[in-house]
Amino acid sequence: TSGNKSKQWNKFDSWNFRLEGLSK
């Protein structure tokens, strides 16, 4: 992810998760 459109500057790699037992 990045704060600018080109993703060229200040790029962050991130990890997220969600629980799959929940309703859609």
PDB file of all heavy atoms in Angstrom:
ATOM      1  N   THR A   1       0.848  -1.187   0.000  1.00  0.00           N
ATOM      2  CA  THR A   1       0.000   0.000   0.000  1.00  0.00           C
ATOM      3  C   THR A   1       0.884   1.237   0.000  1.00  0.00           C
ATOM      4  O   THR A   1       2.032   1.195   0.425  1.00  0.00           O
ATOM      5  CB  THR A   1      -0.935   0.029   1.224  1.00  0.00           C
ATOM      6  OG1 THR A   1      -0.119  -0.041   2.404  1.00  0.00           O
ATOM      7  CG2 THR A   1      -1.899  -1.124   1.210  1.00  0.00           C
ATOM      8  N   SER A   2       0.319   2.328  -0.456  1.00  0.00           N
ATOM      9  CA  SER A   2       1.074   3.565  -0.517  1.00  0.00           C
ATOM     10  C   SER A   2       0.115   4.735  -0.458  1.00  0.00           C
ATOM     11  O   SER A   2      -1.064   4.601  -0.784  1.00  0.00           O
ATOM     12  CB  SER A   2       1.887   3.614  -1.812  1.00  0.00           C
ATOM     13  OG  SER A   2       2.537   4.852  -1.925  1.00  0.00           O
ATOM     14  N   GLY A   3       0.650   5.873  -0.076  1.00  0.00           N
ATOM     15  CA  GLY A   3      -0.164   7.076  -0.007  1.00  0.00           C
ATOM     16  C   GLY A   3      -0.317   7.778  -1.342  1.00  0.00           C
ATOM     17  O   GLY A   3      -1.136   8.655  -1.492  1.00  0.00           O
ATOM     18  N   ASN A   4       0.466   7.369  -2.356  1.00  0.00           N
ATOM     19  CA  ASN A   4       0.332   8.033  -3.649  1.00  0.00           C
ATOM     20  C   ASN A   4      -0.141   7.043  -4.715  1.00  0.00           C
ATOM     21  O   ASN A   4      -0.148   5.836  -4.503  1.00  0.00           O
ATOM     22  CB  ASN A   4       1.643   8.713  -4.057  1.00  0.00           C
ATOM     23  CG  ASN A   4       2.750   7.726  -4.292  1.00  0.00           C
ATOM     24  OD1 ASN A   4       2.551   6.532  -4.318  1.00  0.00           O
ATOM     25  ND2 ASN A   4       3.948   8.233  -4.476  1.00  0.00           N
ATOM     26  N   LYS A   5      -0.523   7.541  -5.858  1.00  0.00           N
ATOM     27  CA  LYS A   5      -1.127   6.703  -6.894  1.00  0.00           C
ATOM     28  C   LYS A   5      -0.127   5.766  -7.567  1.00  0.00           C
ATOM     29  O   LYS A   5      -0.480   4.680  -7.996  1.00  0.00           O
ATOM     30  CB  LYS A   5      -1.804   7.581  -7.947  1.00  0.00           C
ATOM     31  CG  LYS A   5      -3.026   8.282  -7.427  1.00  0.00           C
ATOM     32  CD  LYS A   5      -3.674   9.125  -8.493  1.00  0.00           C
ATOM     33  CE  LYS A   5      -4.871   9.851  -7.905  1.00  0.00           C
ATOM     34  NZ  LYS A   5      -5.530  10.693  -8.896  1.00  0.00           N
ATOM     35  N   SER A   6       1.116   6.156  -7.679  1.00  0.00           N
ATOM     36  CA  SER A   6       2.090   5.332  -8.399  1.00  0.00           C
ATOM     37  C   SER A   6       2.674   4.215  -7.537  1.00  0.00           C
ATOM     38  O   SER A   6       3.343   3.333  -8.066  1.00  0.00           O
ATOM     39  CB  SER A   6       3.230   6.206  -8.917  1.00  0.00           C
ATOM     40  OG  SER A   6       4.011   6.665  -7.832  1.00  0.00           O
ATOM     41  N   LYS A   7       2.435   4.217  -6.252  1.00  0.00           N
ATOM     42  CA  LYS A   7       3.008   3.257  -5.305  1.00  0.00           C
ATOM     43  C   LYS A   7       4.541   3.248  -5.380  1.00  0.00           C
ATOM     44  O   LYS A   7       5.183   2.272  -5.061  1.00  0.00           O
ATOM     45  CB  LYS A   7       2.476   1.844  -5.552  1.00  0.00           C
ATOM     46  CG  LYS A   7       1.034   1.670  -5.185  1.00  0.00           C
ATOM     47  CD  LYS A   7       0.656   0.215  -5.226  1.00  0.00           C
ATOM     48  CE  LYS A   7      -0.776   0.038  -4.793  1.00  0.00           C
ATOM     49  NZ  LYS A   7      -1.177  -1.338  -4.746  1.00  0.00           N
ATOM     50  N   GLN A   8       5.096   4.345  -5.830  1.00  0.00           N
ATOM     51  CA  GLN A   8       6.536   4.424  -5.994  1.00  0.00           C
ATOM     52  C   GLN A   8       7.219   4.926  -4.722  1.00  0.00           C
ATOM     53  O   GLN A   8       8.335   4.552  -4.433  1.00  0.00           O
ATOM     54  CB  GLN A   8       6.848   5.357  -7.158  1.00  0.00           C
ATOM     55  CG  GLN A   8       8.286   5.379  -7.566  1.00  0.00           C
ATOM     56  CD  GLN A   8       8.480   6.196  -8.826  1.00  0.00           C
ATOM     57  OE1 GLN A   8       7.566   6.837  -9.311  1.00  0.00           O
ATOM     58  NE2 GLN A   8       9.687   6.175  -9.353  1.00  0.00           N
ATOM     59  N   TRP A   9       6.532   5.750  -3.941  1.00  0.00           N
ATOM     60  CA  TRP A   9       7.131   6.354  -2.768  1.00  0.00           C
ATOM     61  C   TRP A   9       6.416   5.894  -1.512  1.00  0.00           C
ATOM     62  O   TRP A   9       5.206   5.772  -1.467  1.00  0.00           O
ATOM     63  CB  TRP A   9       7.069   7.881  -2.860  1.00  0.00           C
ATOM     64  CG  TRP A   9       7.589   8.405  -4.154  1.00  0.00           C
ATOM     65  CD1 TRP A   9       6.850   8.884  -5.197  1.00  0.00           C
ATOM     66  CD2 TRP A   9       8.946   8.467  -4.564  1.00  0.00           C
ATOM     67  NE1 TRP A   9       7.656   9.249  -6.227  1.00  0.00           N
ATOM     68  CE2 TRP A   9       8.976   9.001  -5.866  1.00  0.00           C
ATOM     69  CE3 TRP A   9      10.151   8.122  -3.978  1.00  0.00           C
ATOM     70  CZ2 TRP A   9      10.140   9.203  -6.577  1.00  0.00           C
ATOM     71  CZ3 TRP A   9      11.312   8.332  -4.688  1.00  0.00           C
ATOM     72  CH2 TRP A   9      11.303   8.867  -5.956  1.00  0.00           C
ATOM     73  N   ASN A  10       7.188   5.634  -0.474  1.00  0.00           N
ATOM     74  CA  ASN A  10       6.658   5.286   0.844  1.00  0.00           C
ATOM     75  C   ASN A  10       5.724   4.080   0.782  1.00  0.00           C
ATOM     76  O   ASN A  10       4.627   4.083   1.326  1.00  0.00           O
ATOM     77  CB  ASN A  10       5.933   6.486   1.467  1.00  0.00           C
ATOM     78  CG  ASN A  10       5.845   6.347   2.970  1.00  0.00           C
ATOM     79  OD1 ASN A  10       6.598   5.601   3.575  1.00  0.00           O
ATOM     80  ND2 ASN A  10       4.923   7.062   3.569  1.00  0.00           N
ATOM     81  N   LYS A  11       6.179   3.025   0.105  1.00  0.00           N
ATOM     82  CA  LYS A  11       5.397   1.803  -0.037  1.00  0.00           C
ATOM     83  C   LYS A  11       5.492   0.970   1.240  1.00  0.00           C
ATOM     84  O   LYS A  11       6.566   0.758   1.784  1.00  0.00           O
ATOM     85  CB  LYS A  11       5.912   0.996  -1.224  1.00  0.00           C
ATOM     86  CG  LYS A  11       5.115  -0.252  -1.500  1.00  0.00           C
ATOM     87  CD  LYS A  11       5.706  -1.024  -2.647  1.00  0.00           C
ATOM     88  CE  LYS A  11       6.724  -1.964  -2.091  1.00  0.00           C
ATOM     89  NZ  LYS A  11       7.141  -3.039  -2.936  1.00  0.00           N
ATOM     90  N   PHE A  12       4.356   0.502   1.740  1.00  0.00           N
ATOM     91  CA  PHE A  12       4.297  -0.350   2.922  1.00  0.00           C
ATOM     92  C   PHE A  12       3.778  -1.720   2.532  1.00  0.00           C
ATOM     93  O   PHE A  12       2.776  -1.833   1.824  1.00  0.00           O
ATOM     94  CB  PHE A  12       3.353   0.236   3.979  1.00  0.00           C
ATOM     95  CG  PHE A  12       3.949   1.354   4.763  1.00  0.00           C
ATOM     96  CD1 PHE A  12       3.954   2.645   4.255  1.00  0.00           C
ATOM     97  CD2 PHE A  12       4.512   1.127   5.999  1.00  0.00           C
ATOM     98  CE1 PHE A  12       4.504   3.682   4.971  1.00  0.00           C
ATOM     99  CE2 PHE A  12       5.064   2.159   6.725  1.00  0.00           C
ATOM    100  CZ  PHE A  12       5.063   3.445   6.211  1.00  0.00           C
ATOM    101  N   ASP A  13       4.452  -2.769   2.986  1.00  0.00           N
ATOM    102  CA  ASP A  13       3.934  -4.127   2.858  1.00  0.00           C
ATOM    103  C   ASP A  13       3.160  -4.421   4.139  1.00  0.00           C
ATOM    104  O   ASP A  13       3.630  -4.122   5.233  1.00  0.00           O
ATOM    105  CB  ASP A  13       5.077  -5.127   2.700  1.00  0.00           C
ATOM    106  CG  ASP A  13       5.778  -4.982   1.364  1.00  0.00           C
ATOM    107  OD1 ASP A  13       5.066  -4.857   0.358  1.00  0.00           O
ATOM    108  OD2 ASP A  13       7.013  -4.999   1.343  1.00  0.00           O
ATOM    109  N   SER A  14       1.994  -5.007   3.997  1.00  0.00           N
ATOM    110  CA  SER A  14       1.166  -5.245   5.183  1.00  0.00           C
ATOM    111  C   SER A  14       0.533  -6.632   5.154  1.00  0.00           C
ATOM    112  O   SER A  14       0.374  -7.235   4.093  1.00  0.00           O
ATOM    113  CB  SER A  14       0.063  -4.183   5.280  1.00  0.00           C
ATOM    114  OG  SER A  14      -0.810  -4.300   4.184  1.00  0.00           O
ATOM    115  N   TRP A  15       0.169  -7.112   6.351  1.00  0.00           N
ATOM    116  CA  TRP A  15      -0.543  -8.370   6.552  1.00  0.00           C
ATOM    117  C   TRP A  15      -1.779  -8.093   7.398  1.00  0.00           C
ATOM    118  O   TRP A  15      -1.706  -7.370   8.384  1.00  0.00           O
ATOM    119  CB  TRP A  15       0.335  -9.390   7.275  1.00  0.00           C
ATOM    120  CG  TRP A  15       1.429  -9.969   6.434  1.00  0.00           C
ATOM    121  CD1 TRP A  15       2.688  -9.480   6.276  1.00  0.00           C
ATOM    122  CD2 TRP A  15       1.363 -11.148   5.648  1.00  0.00           C
ATOM    123  NE1 TRP A  15       3.409 -10.278   5.441  1.00  0.00           N
ATOM    124  CE2 TRP A  15       2.625 -11.326   5.039  1.00  0.00           C
ATOM    125  CE3 TRP A  15       0.358 -12.088   5.400  1.00  0.00           C
ATOM    126  CZ2 TRP A  15       2.900 -12.391   4.199  1.00  0.00           C
ATOM    127  CZ3 TRP A  15       0.653 -13.155   4.557  1.00  0.00           C
ATOM    128  CH2 TRP A  15       1.913 -13.300   3.971  1.00  0.00           C
ATOM    129  N   ASN A  16      -2.905  -8.661   7.005  1.00  0.00           N
ATOM    130  CA  ASN A  16      -4.169  -8.576   7.739  1.00  0.00           C
ATOM    131  C   ASN A  16      -4.777  -9.973   7.793  1.00  0.00           C
ATOM    132  O   ASN A  16      -4.379 -10.858   7.026  1.00  0.00           O
ATOM    133  CB  ASN A  16      -5.168  -7.652   7.029  1.00  0.00           C
ATOM    134  CG  ASN A  16      -4.631  -6.260   6.867  1.00  0.00           C
ATOM    135  OD1 ASN A  16      -4.261  -5.622   7.828  1.00  0.00           O
ATOM    136  ND2 ASN A  16      -4.561  -5.788   5.636  1.00  0.00           N
ATOM    137  N   PHE A  17      -5.757 -10.172   8.674  1.00  0.00           N
ATOM    138  CA  PHE A  17      -6.479 -11.437   8.661  1.00  0.00           C
ATOM    139  C   PHE A  17      -7.943 -11.198   9.008  1.00  0.00           C
ATOM    140  O   PHE A  17      -8.314 -10.161   9.545  1.00  0.00           O
ATOM    141  CB  PHE A  17      -5.857 -12.457   9.618  1.00  0.00           C
ATOM    142  CG  PHE A  17      -6.199 -12.271  11.067  1.00  0.00           C
ATOM    143  CD1 PHE A  17      -7.277 -12.947  11.629  1.00  0.00           C
ATOM    144  CD2 PHE A  17      -5.455 -11.442  11.874  1.00  0.00           C
ATOM    145  CE1 PHE A  17      -7.594 -12.792  12.968  1.00  0.00           C
ATOM    146  CE2 PHE A  17      -5.763 -11.277  13.213  1.00  0.00           C
ATOM    147  CZ  PHE A  17      -6.834 -11.951  13.760  1.00  0.00           C
ATOM    148  N   ARG A  18      -8.749 -12.181   8.663  1.00  0.00           N
ATOM    149  CA  ARG A  18     -10.154 -12.170   9.049  1.00  0.00           C
ATOM    150  C   ARG A  18     -10.571 -13.589   9.392  1.00  0.00           C
ATOM    151  O   ARG A  18      -9.965 -14.563   8.926  1.00  0.00           O
ATOM    152  CB  ARG A  18     -11.037 -11.572   7.963  1.00  0.00           C
ATOM    153  CG  ARG A  18     -11.083 -12.367   6.708  1.00  0.00           C
ATOM    154  CD  ARG A  18     -11.953 -11.694   5.678  1.00  0.00           C
ATOM    155  NE  ARG A  18     -12.010 -12.554   4.505  1.00  0.00           N
ATOM    156  CZ  ARG A  18     -12.370 -12.165   3.328  1.00  0.00           C
ATOM    157  NH1 ARG A  18     -12.709 -10.919   3.133  1.00  0.00           N
ATOM    158  NH2 ARG A  18     -12.410 -12.995   2.325  1.00  0.00           N
ATOM    159  N   LEU A  19     -11.606 -13.709  10.201  1.00  0.00           N
ATOM    160  CA  LEU A  19     -12.108 -15.009  10.635  1.00  0.00           C
ATOM    161  C   LEU A  19     -13.127 -15.507   9.619  1.00  0.00           C
ATOM    162  O   LEU A  19     -14.067 -14.790   9.278  1.00  0.00           O
ATOM    163  CB  LEU A  19     -12.746 -14.890  12.016  1.00  0.00           C
ATOM    164  CG  LEU A  19     -11.841 -14.284  13.096  1.00  0.00           C
ATOM    165  CD1 LEU A  19     -12.619 -14.120  14.384  1.00  0.00           C
ATOM    166  CD2 LEU A  19     -10.616 -15.142  13.312  1.00  0.00           C
ATOM    167  N   GLU A  20     -12.968 -16.719   9.149  1.00  0.00           N
ATOM    168  CA  GLU A  20     -13.844 -17.246   8.109  1.00  0.00           C
ATOM    169  C   GLU A  20     -15.110 -17.899   8.658  1.00  0.00           C
ATOM    170  O   GLU A  20     -15.947 -18.325   7.891  1.00  0.00           O
ATOM    171  CB  GLU A  20     -13.088 -18.230   7.223  1.00  0.00           C
ATOM    172  CG  GLU A  20     -12.112 -17.551   6.304  1.00  0.00           C
ATOM    173  CD  GLU A  20     -12.758 -16.539   5.384  1.00  0.00           C
ATOM    174  OE1 GLU A  20     -13.872 -16.782   4.874  1.00  0.00           O
ATOM    175  OE2 GLU A  20     -12.149 -15.484   5.175  1.00  0.00           O
ATOM    176  N   GLY A  21     -15.265 -17.993   9.957  1.00  0.00           N
ATOM    177  CA  GLY A  21     -16.469 -18.577  10.535  1.00  0.00           C
ATOM    178  C   GLY A  21     -17.639 -17.609  10.582  1.00  0.00           C
ATOM    179  O   GLY A  21     -18.751 -17.998  10.933  1.00  0.00           O
ATOM    180  N   LEU A  22     -17.408 -16.364  10.216  1.00  0.00           N
ATOM    181  CA  LEU A  22     -18.463 -15.355  10.242  1.00  0.00           C
ATOM    182  C   LEU A  22     -19.317 -15.444   8.989  1.00  0.00           C
ATOM    183  O   LEU A  22     -18.902 -16.004   7.974  1.00  0.00           O
ATOM    184  CB  LEU A  22     -17.847 -13.959  10.343  1.00  0.00           C
ATOM    185  CG  LEU A  22     -16.974 -13.679  11.558  1.00  0.00           C
ATOM    186  CD1 LEU A  22     -16.299 -12.327  11.421  1.00  0.00           C
ATOM    187  CD2 LEU A  22     -17.787 -13.748  12.822  1.00  0.00           C
ATOM    188  N   SER A  23     -20.495 -14.853   9.038  1.00  0.00           N
ATOM    189  CA  SER A  23     -21.345 -14.801   7.854  1.00  0.00           C
ATOM    190  C   SER A  23     -20.675 -13.926   6.800  1.00  0.00           C
ATOM    191  O   SER A  23     -19.799 -13.118   7.110  1.00  0.00           O
ATOM    192  CB  SER A  23     -22.722 -14.247   8.211  1.00  0.00           C
ATOM    193  OG  SER A  23     -22.620 -12.874   8.549  1.00  0.00           O
ATOM    194  N   LYS A  24     -21.129 -14.063   5.563  1.00  0.00           N
ATOM    195  CA  LYS A  24     -20.540 -13.276   4.474  1.00  0.00           C
ATOM    196  C   LYS A  24     -20.691 -11.779   4.731  1.00  0.00           C
ATOM    197  O   LYS A  24     -19.782 -10.991   4.486  1.00  0.00           O
ATOM    198  CB  LYS A  24     -21.206 -13.667   3.157  1.00  0.00           C
ATOM    199  CG  LYS A  24     -20.476 -13.229   1.941  1.00  0.00           C
ATOM    200  CD  LYS A  24     -21.096 -13.850   0.706  1.00  0.00           C
ATOM    201  CE  LYS A  24     -20.162 -13.702  -0.456  1.00  0.00           C
ATOM    202  NZ  LYS A  24     -20.658 -14.356  -1.644  1.00  0.00           N
TER     203      LYS A  24
END
